[in-house]
Amino acid sequence: DWILQTEKHDRSLYSGYLGPINLDSETHLFVNLRTVQISHGKATYFAGCGITEDSDPEKEWQETQMKCQTLQRVINASL
């Protein structure tokens, strides 16, 4: 409820688990904390971090910005 009341945007593709499912043996999934949506020549970046009791908000924000910068470099390199 807090997230729905606080955030001003739709999470859309952000977050969730990602990876191949192997029904015959172990499955290894990871939490997706960065995503790019490309539509009509525009790239929209979604990124986040894991916030805990010991988190420093400024460092978490810097981490989120670095994730978006990495995504931007990947997109720019593919142009």
PDB file of N, CA and C in Angstrom:
ATOM      1  N   ASP A   1       0.822  -1.205   0.000  1.00  0.00           N
ATOM      2  CA  ASP A   1       0.000   0.000   0.000  1.00  0.00           C
ATOM      3  C   ASP A   1       0.863   1.264   0.000  1.00  0.00           C
ATOM      4  N   TRP A   2       1.946   1.262   0.794  1.00  0.00           N
ATOM      5  CA  TRP A   2       2.801   2.443   0.874  1.00  0.00           C
ATOM      6  C   TRP A   2       3.399   2.776  -0.489  1.00  0.00           C
ATOM      7  N   ILE A   3       3.863   1.756  -1.200  1.00  0.00           N
ATOM      8  CA  ILE A   3       4.463   1.992  -2.522  1.00  0.00           C
ATOM      9  C   ILE A   3       3.433   2.601  -3.465  1.00  0.00           C
ATOM     10  N   LEU A   4       2.226   2.048  -3.480  1.00  0.00           N
ATOM     11  CA  LEU A   4       1.187   2.572  -4.370  1.00  0.00           C
ATOM     12  C   LEU A   4       0.833   4.020  -4.043  1.00  0.00           C
ATOM     13  N   GLN A   5       0.857   4.373  -2.776  1.00  0.00           N
ATOM     14  CA  GLN A   5       0.525   5.741  -2.361  1.00  0.00           C
ATOM     15  C   GLN A   5       1.679   6.711  -2.595  1.00  0.00           C
ATOM     16  N   THR A   6       2.912   6.217  -2.539  1.00  0.00           N
ATOM     17  CA  THR A   6       4.087   7.083  -2.589  1.00  0.00           C
ATOM     18  C   THR A   6       4.610   7.305  -4.001  1.00  0.00           C
ATOM     19  N   GLU A   7       4.696   6.248  -4.789  1.00  0.00           N
ATOM     20  CA  GLU A   7       5.262   6.366  -6.133  1.00  0.00           C
ATOM     21  C   GLU A   7       4.280   7.038  -7.077  1.00  0.00           C
ATOM     22  N   LYS A   8       4.820   7.843  -7.957  1.00  0.00           N
ATOM     23  CA  LYS A   8       3.992   8.590  -8.909  1.00  0.00           C
ATOM     24  C   LYS A   8       4.006   7.975 -10.306  1.00  0.00           C
ATOM     25  N   HIS A   9       4.622   6.813 -10.457  1.00  0.00           N
ATOM     26  CA  HIS A   9       4.706   6.193 -11.774  1.00  0.00           C
ATOM     27  C   HIS A   9       4.367   4.702 -11.676  1.00  0.00           C
ATOM     28  N   ASP A  10       3.997   4.146 -12.805  1.00  0.00           N
ATOM     29  CA  ASP A  10       3.714   2.716 -12.907  1.00  0.00           C
ATOM     30  C   ASP A  10       5.041   1.965 -12.964  1.00  0.00           C
ATOM     31  N   ARG A  11       5.195   0.932 -12.172  1.00  0.00           N
ATOM     32  CA  ARG A  11       6.441   0.152 -12.175  1.00  0.00           C
ATOM     33  C   ARG A  11       6.628  -0.598 -13.491  1.00  0.00           C
ATOM     34  N   SER A  12       5.578  -0.857 -14.198  1.00  0.00           N
ATOM     35  CA  SER A  12       5.640  -1.473 -15.518  1.00  0.00           C
ATOM     36  C   SER A  12       6.537  -2.710 -15.523  1.00  0.00           C
ATOM     37  N   LEU A  13       7.699  -2.607 -16.163  1.00  0.00           N
ATOM     38  CA  LEU A  13       8.588  -3.754 -16.306  1.00  0.00           C
ATOM     39  C   LEU A  13       9.573  -3.899 -15.163  1.00  0.00           C
ATOM     40  N   TYR A  14       9.590  -2.962 -14.242  1.00  0.00           N
ATOM     41  CA  TYR A  14      10.616  -2.958 -13.199  1.00  0.00           C
ATOM     42  C   TYR A  14      10.427  -4.088 -12.198  1.00  0.00           C
ATOM     43  N   SER A  15      11.499  -4.739 -11.892  1.00  0.00           N
ATOM     44  CA  SER A  15      11.636  -5.737 -10.829  1.00  0.00           C
ATOM     45  C   SER A  15      10.991  -7.069 -11.190  1.00  0.00           C
ATOM     46  N   GLY A  16      11.184  -8.012 -10.326  1.00  0.00           N
ATOM     47  CA  GLY A  16      10.711  -9.369 -10.533  1.00  0.00           C
ATOM     48  C   GLY A  16      11.895 -10.304 -10.680  1.00  0.00           C
ATOM     49  N   TYR A  17      11.607 -11.563 -10.884  1.00  0.00           N
ATOM     50  CA  TYR A  17      12.656 -12.569 -11.041  1.00  0.00           C
ATOM     51  C   TYR A  17      12.865 -12.861 -12.514  1.00  0.00           C
ATOM     52  N   LEU A  18      14.110 -13.154 -12.879  1.00  0.00           N
ATOM     53  CA  LEU A  18      14.452 -13.389 -14.273  1.00  0.00           C
ATOM     54  C   LEU A  18      15.448 -14.530 -14.364  1.00  0.00           C
ATOM     55  N   GLY A  19      15.267 -15.382 -15.347  1.00  0.00           N
ATOM     56  CA  GLY A  19      16.191 -16.487 -15.566  1.00  0.00           C
ATOM     57  C   GLY A  19      15.454 -17.682 -16.137  1.00  0.00           C
ATOM     58  N   PRO A  20      16.205 -18.636 -16.679  1.00  0.00           N
ATOM     59  CA  PRO A  20      15.578 -19.826 -17.267  1.00  0.00           C
ATOM     60  C   PRO A  20      15.086 -20.783 -16.180  1.00  0.00           C
ATOM     61  N   ILE A  21      13.949 -21.379 -16.419  1.00  0.00           N
ATOM     62  CA  ILE A  21      13.386 -22.379 -15.510  1.00  0.00           C
ATOM     63  C   ILE A  21      13.783 -23.753 -16.039  1.00  0.00           C
ATOM     64  N   ASN A  22      14.416 -24.546 -15.215  1.00  0.00           N
ATOM     65  CA  ASN A  22      14.825 -25.893 -15.587  1.00  0.00           C
ATOM     66  C   ASN A  22      14.015 -26.873 -14.743  1.00  0.00           C
ATOM     67  N   LEU A  23      13.083 -27.570 -15.356  1.00  0.00           N
ATOM     68  CA  LEU A  23      12.203 -28.482 -14.628  1.00  0.00           C
ATOM     69  C   LEU A  23      12.892 -29.783 -14.242  1.00  0.00           C
ATOM     70  N   ASP A  24      14.040 -30.091 -14.859  1.00  0.00           N
ATOM     71  CA  ASP A  24      14.734 -31.350 -14.587  1.00  0.00           C
ATOM     72  C   ASP A  24      15.818 -31.237 -13.518  1.00  0.00           C
ATOM     73  N   SER A  25      16.214 -30.027 -13.172  1.00  0.00           N
ATOM     74  CA  SER A  25      17.236 -29.845 -12.134  1.00  0.00           C
ATOM     75  C   SER A  25      17.044 -28.472 -11.490  1.00  0.00           C
ATOM     76  N   GLU A  26      18.094 -27.947 -10.901  1.00  0.00           N
ATOM     77  CA  GLU A  26      17.990 -26.668 -10.208  1.00  0.00           C
ATOM     78  C   GLU A  26      17.708 -25.519 -11.170  1.00  0.00           C
ATOM     79  N   THR A  27      16.957 -24.556 -10.680  1.00  0.00           N
ATOM     80  CA  THR A  27      16.698 -23.323 -11.405  1.00  0.00           C
ATOM     81  C   THR A  27      17.380 -22.191 -10.660  1.00  0.00           C
ATOM     82  N   HIS A  28      18.070 -21.343 -11.375  1.00  0.00           N
ATOM     83  CA  HIS A  28      18.739 -20.195 -10.767  1.00  0.00           C
ATOM     84  C   HIS A  28      18.126 -18.922 -11.339  1.00  0.00           C
ATOM     85  N   LEU A  29      17.483 -18.157 -10.482  1.00  0.00           N
ATOM     86  CA  LEU A  29      16.857 -16.904 -10.883  1.00  0.00           C
ATOM     87  C   LEU A  29      17.556 -15.747 -10.181  1.00  0.00           C
ATOM     88  N   PHE A  30      17.462 -14.574 -10.759  1.00  0.00           N
ATOM     89  CA  PHE A  30      18.003 -13.400 -10.090  1.00  0.00           C
ATOM     90  C   PHE A  30      16.956 -12.305 -10.091  1.00  0.00           C
ATOM     91  N   VAL A  31      17.087 -11.374  -9.160  1.00  0.00           N
ATOM     92  CA  VAL A  31      16.156 -10.258  -9.054  1.00  0.00           C
ATOM     93  C   VAL A  31      16.572  -9.193 -10.058  1.00  0.00           C
ATOM     94  N   ASN A  32      15.645  -8.807 -10.895  1.00  0.00           N
ATOM     95  CA  ASN A  32      15.903  -7.815 -11.929  1.00  0.00           C
ATOM     96  C   ASN A  32      15.701  -6.412 -11.353  1.00  0.00           C
ATOM     97  N   LEU A  33      16.794  -5.697 -11.119  1.00  0.00           N
ATOM     98  CA  LEU A  33      16.718  -4.341 -10.576  1.00  0.00           C
ATOM     99  C   LEU A  33      17.049  -3.267 -11.603  1.00  0.00           C
ATOM    100  N   ARG A  34      17.127  -3.656 -12.878  1.00  0.00           N
ATOM    101  CA  ARG A  34      17.337  -2.662 -13.925  1.00  0.00           C
ATOM    102  C   ARG A  34      16.722  -3.164 -15.221  1.00  0.00           C
ATOM    103  N   THR A  35      16.047  -2.267 -15.912  1.00  0.00           N
ATOM    104  CA  THR A  35      15.334  -2.608 -17.134  1.00  0.00           C
ATOM    105  C   THR A  35      15.356  -1.395 -18.062  1.00  0.00           C
ATOM    106  N   VAL A  36      15.338  -1.646 -19.362  1.00  0.00           N
ATOM    107  CA  VAL A  36      15.190  -0.578 -20.352  1.00  0.00           C
ATOM    108  C   VAL A  36      13.994  -0.923 -21.225  1.00  0.00           C
ATOM    109  N   GLN A  37      13.138   0.048 -21.434  1.00  0.00           N
ATOM    110  CA  GLN A  37      12.030  -0.106 -22.370  1.00  0.00           C
ATOM    111  C   GLN A  37      12.281   0.874 -23.513  1.00  0.00           C
ATOM    112  N   ILE A  38      12.354   0.345 -24.738  1.00  0.00           N
ATOM    113  CA  ILE A  38      12.590   1.192 -25.906  1.00  0.00           C
ATOM    114  C   ILE A  38      11.325   1.197 -26.746  1.00  0.00           C
ATOM    115  N   SER A  39      10.807   2.395 -26.977  1.00  0.00           N
ATOM    116  CA  SER A  39       9.572   2.531 -27.739  1.00  0.00           C
ATOM    117  C   SER A  39       9.582   3.868 -28.472  1.00  0.00           C
ATOM    118  N   HIS A  40       9.287   3.829 -29.760  1.00  0.00           N
ATOM    119  CA  HIS A  40       9.203   5.043 -30.583  1.00  0.00           C
ATOM    120  C   HIS A  40      10.466   5.900 -30.475  1.00  0.00           C
ATOM    121  N   GLY A  41      11.634   5.242 -30.488  1.00  0.00           N
ATOM    122  CA  GLY A  41      12.898   5.957 -30.455  1.00  0.00           C
ATOM    123  C   GLY A  41      13.276   6.537 -29.103  1.00  0.00           C
ATOM    124  N   LYS A  42      12.558   6.168 -28.072  1.00  0.00           N
ATOM    125  CA  LYS A  42      12.826   6.688 -26.724  1.00  0.00           C
ATOM    126  C   LYS A  42      13.142   5.531 -25.786  1.00  0.00           C
ATOM    127  N   ALA A  43      14.230   5.667 -25.020  1.00  0.00           N
ATOM    128  CA  ALA A  43      14.605   4.647 -24.029  1.00  0.00           C
ATOM    129  C   ALA A  43      14.210   5.139 -22.641  1.00  0.00           C
ATOM    130  N   THR A  44      13.467   4.307 -21.921  1.00  0.00           N
ATOM    131  CA  THR A  44      13.081   4.612 -20.542  1.00  0.00           C
ATOM    132  C   THR A  44      13.777   3.620 -19.637  1.00  0.00           C
ATOM    133  N   TYR A  45      14.515   4.119 -18.663  1.00  0.00           N
ATOM    134  CA  TYR A  45      15.276   3.277 -17.746  1.00  0.00           C
ATOM    135  C   TYR A  45      14.512   3.110 -16.441  1.00  0.00           C
ATOM    136  N   PHE A  46      14.508   1.885 -15.941  1.00  0.00           N
ATOM    137  CA  PHE A  46      13.948   1.579 -14.631  1.00  0.00           C
ATOM    138  C   PHE A  46      15.075   0.940 -13.828  1.00  0.00           C
ATOM    139  N   ALA A  47      15.368   1.464 -12.653  1.00  0.00           N
ATOM    140  CA  ALA A  47      16.431   0.894 -11.820  1.00  0.00           C
ATOM    141  C   ALA A  47      16.080   1.100 -10.356  1.00  0.00           C
ATOM    142  N   GLY A  48      16.649   0.271  -9.520  1.00  0.00           N
ATOM    143  CA  GLY A  48      16.401   0.393  -8.089  1.00  0.00           C
ATOM    144  C   GLY A  48      17.501  -0.275  -7.301  1.00  0.00           C
ATOM    145  N   CYS A  49      17.268  -0.389  -6.019  1.00  0.00           N
ATOM    146  CA  CYS A  49      18.263  -0.972  -5.128  1.00  0.00           C
ATOM    147  C   CYS A  49      17.541  -1.660  -3.978  1.00  0.00           C
ATOM    148  N   GLY A  50      18.289  -2.403  -3.211  1.00  0.00           N
ATOM    149  CA  GLY A  50      17.728  -3.053  -2.035  1.00  0.00           C
ATOM    150  C   GLY A  50      17.921  -2.169  -0.817  1.00  0.00           C
ATOM    151  N   ILE A  51      16.839  -1.728  -0.217  1.00  0.00           N
ATOM    152  CA  ILE A  51      16.925  -0.850   0.943  1.00  0.00           C
ATOM    153  C   ILE A  51      16.714  -1.668   2.211  1.00  0.00           C
ATOM    154  N   THR A  52      17.647  -1.508   3.133  1.00  0.00           N
ATOM    155  CA  THR A  52      17.567  -2.196   4.423  1.00  0.00           C
ATOM    156  C   THR A  52      17.676  -1.156   5.542  1.00  0.00           C
ATOM    157  N   GLU A  53      17.586  -1.624   6.756  1.00  0.00           N
ATOM    158  CA  GLU A  53      17.693  -0.737   7.918  1.00  0.00           C
ATOM    159  C   GLU A  53      19.034  -0.001   7.942  1.00  0.00           C
ATOM    160  N   ASP A  54      20.078  -0.650   7.444  1.00  0.00           N
ATOM    161  CA  ASP A  54      21.421  -0.061   7.457  1.00  0.00           C
ATOM    162  C   ASP A  54      21.750   0.757   6.209  1.00  0.00           C
ATOM    163  N   SER A  55      20.805   0.885   5.292  1.00  0.00           N
ATOM    164  CA  SER A  55      21.068   1.598   4.039  1.00  0.00           C
ATOM    165  C   SER A  55      21.311   3.083   4.276  1.00  0.00           C
ATOM    166  N   ASP A  56      22.200   3.623   3.454  1.00  0.00           N
ATOM    167  CA  ASP A  56      22.445   5.065   3.418  1.00  0.00           C
ATOM    168  C   ASP A  56      21.709   5.590   2.181  1.00  0.00           C
ATOM    169  N   PRO A  57      20.667   6.409   2.357  1.00  0.00           N
ATOM    170  CA  PRO A  57      19.870   6.858   1.209  1.00  0.00           C
ATOM    171  C   PRO A  57      20.695   7.483   0.091  1.00  0.00           C
ATOM    172  N   GLU A  58      21.705   8.268   0.417  1.00  0.00           N
ATOM    173  CA  GLU A  58      22.536   8.898  -0.612  1.00  0.00           C
ATOM    174  C   GLU A  58      23.310   7.854  -1.415  1.00  0.00           C
ATOM    175  N   LYS A  59      23.862   6.858  -0.741  1.00  0.00           N
ATOM    176  CA  LYS A  59      24.598   5.796  -1.440  1.00  0.00           C
ATOM    177  C   LYS A  59      23.656   4.953  -2.298  1.00  0.00           C
ATOM    178  N   GLU A  60      22.449   4.701  -1.806  1.00  0.00           N
ATOM    179  CA  GLU A  60      21.478   3.933  -2.590  1.00  0.00           C
ATOM    180  C   GLU A  60      21.088   4.707  -3.847  1.00  0.00           C
ATOM    181  N   TRP A  61      20.908   6.024  -3.720  1.00  0.00           N
ATOM    182  CA  TRP A  61      20.583   6.854  -4.876  1.00  0.00           C
ATOM    183  C   TRP A  61      21.732   6.837  -5.885  1.00  0.00           C
ATOM    184  N   GLN A  62      22.969   6.943  -5.398  1.00  0.00           N
ATOM    185  CA  GLN A  62      24.135   6.887  -6.285  1.00  0.00           C
ATOM    186  C   GLN A  62      24.196   5.542  -7.009  1.00  0.00           C
ATOM    187  N   GLU A  63      23.893   4.460  -6.295  1.00  0.00           N
ATOM    188  CA  GLU A  63      23.890   3.129  -6.914  1.00  0.00           C
ATOM    189  C   GLU A  63      22.847   3.058  -8.024  1.00  0.00           C
ATOM    190  N   THR A  64      21.675   3.614  -7.769  1.00  0.00           N
ATOM    191  CA  THR A  64      20.614   3.609  -8.774  1.00  0.00           C
ATOM    192  C   THR A  64      21.034   4.414  -9.998  1.00  0.00           C
ATOM    193  N   GLN A  65      21.659   5.556  -9.787  1.00  0.00           N
ATOM    194  CA  GLN A  65      22.140   6.363 -10.910  1.00  0.00           C
ATOM    195  C   GLN A  65      23.207   5.619 -11.717  1.00  0.00           C
ATOM    196  N   MET A  66      24.110   4.926 -11.037  1.00  0.00           N
ATOM    197  CA  MET A  66      25.151   4.157 -11.739  1.00  0.00           C
ATOM    198  C   MET A  66      24.528   3.053 -12.591  1.00  0.00           C
ATOM    199  N   LYS A  67      23.482   2.416 -12.087  1.00  0.00           N
ATOM    200  CA  LYS A  67      22.808   1.373 -12.866  1.00  0.00           C
ATOM    201  C   LYS A  67      22.218   1.962 -14.139  1.00  0.00           C
ATOM    202  N   CYS A  68      21.590   3.129 -14.036  1.00  0.00           N
ATOM    203  CA  CYS A  68      21.023   3.766 -15.222  1.00  0.00           C
ATOM    204  C   CYS A  68      22.116   4.193 -16.195  1.00  0.00           C
ATOM    205  N   GLN A  69      23.234   4.677 -15.683  1.00  0.00           N
ATOM    206  CA  GLN A  69      24.347   5.061 -16.552  1.00  0.00           C
ATOM    207  C   GLN A  69      24.898   3.852 -17.303  1.00  0.00           C
ATOM    208  N   THR A  70      24.954   2.708 -16.632  1.00  0.00           N
ATOM    209  CA  THR A  70      25.404   1.479 -17.292  1.00  0.00           C
ATOM    210  C   THR A  70      24.449   1.108 -18.411  1.00  0.00           C
ATOM    211  N   LEU A  71      23.149   1.176 -18.138  1.00  0.00           N
ATOM    212  CA  LEU A  71      22.157   0.876 -19.171  1.00  0.00           C
ATOM    213  C   LEU A  71      22.303   1.840 -20.346  1.00  0.00           C
ATOM    214  N   GLN A  72      22.523   3.100 -20.058  1.00  0.00           N
ATOM    215  CA  GLN A  72      22.677   4.092 -21.117  1.00  0.00           C
ATOM    216  C   GLN A  72      23.909   3.807 -21.973  1.00  0.00           C
ATOM    217  N   ARG A  73      25.012   3.407 -21.349  1.00  0.00           N
ATOM    218  CA  ARG A  73      26.223   3.068 -22.112  1.00  0.00           C
ATOM    219  C   ARG A  73      25.971   1.861 -23.023  1.00  0.00           C
ATOM    220  N   VAL A  74      25.237   0.875 -22.533  1.00  0.00           N
ATOM    221  CA  VAL A  74      24.926  -0.305 -23.351  1.00  0.00           C
ATOM    222  C   VAL A  74      24.091   0.104 -24.558  1.00  0.00           C
ATOM    223  N   ILE A  75      23.078   0.918 -24.338  1.00  0.00           N
ATOM    224  CA  ILE A  75      22.228   1.380 -25.444  1.00  0.00           C
ATOM    225  C   ILE A  75      23.053   2.202 -26.433  1.00  0.00           C
ATOM    226  N   ASN A  76      23.849   3.133 -25.941  1.00  0.00           N
ATOM    227  CA  ASN A  76      24.670   3.977 -26.826  1.00  0.00           C
ATOM    228  C   ASN A  76      25.663   3.151 -27.637  1.00  0.00           C
ATOM    229  N   ALA A  77      26.222   2.109 -27.037  1.00  0.00           N
ATOM    230  CA  ALA A  77      27.192   1.261 -27.742  1.00  0.00           C
ATOM    231  C   ALA A  77      26.538   0.468 -28.866  1.00  0.00           C
ATOM    232  N   SER A  78      25.235   0.243 -28.765  1.00  0.00           N
ATOM    233  CA  SER A  78      24.554  -0.561 -29.785  1.00  0.00           C
ATOM    234  C   SER A  78      24.026   0.287 -30.932  1.00  0.00           C
ATOM    235  N   LEU A  79      24.155   1.599 -30.833  1.00  0.00           N
ATOM    236  CA  LEU A  79      23.642   2.480 -31.902  1.00  0.00           C
ATOM    237  C   LEU A  79      24.598   2.572 -33.064  1.00  0.00           C
TER     238      LEU A  79
END
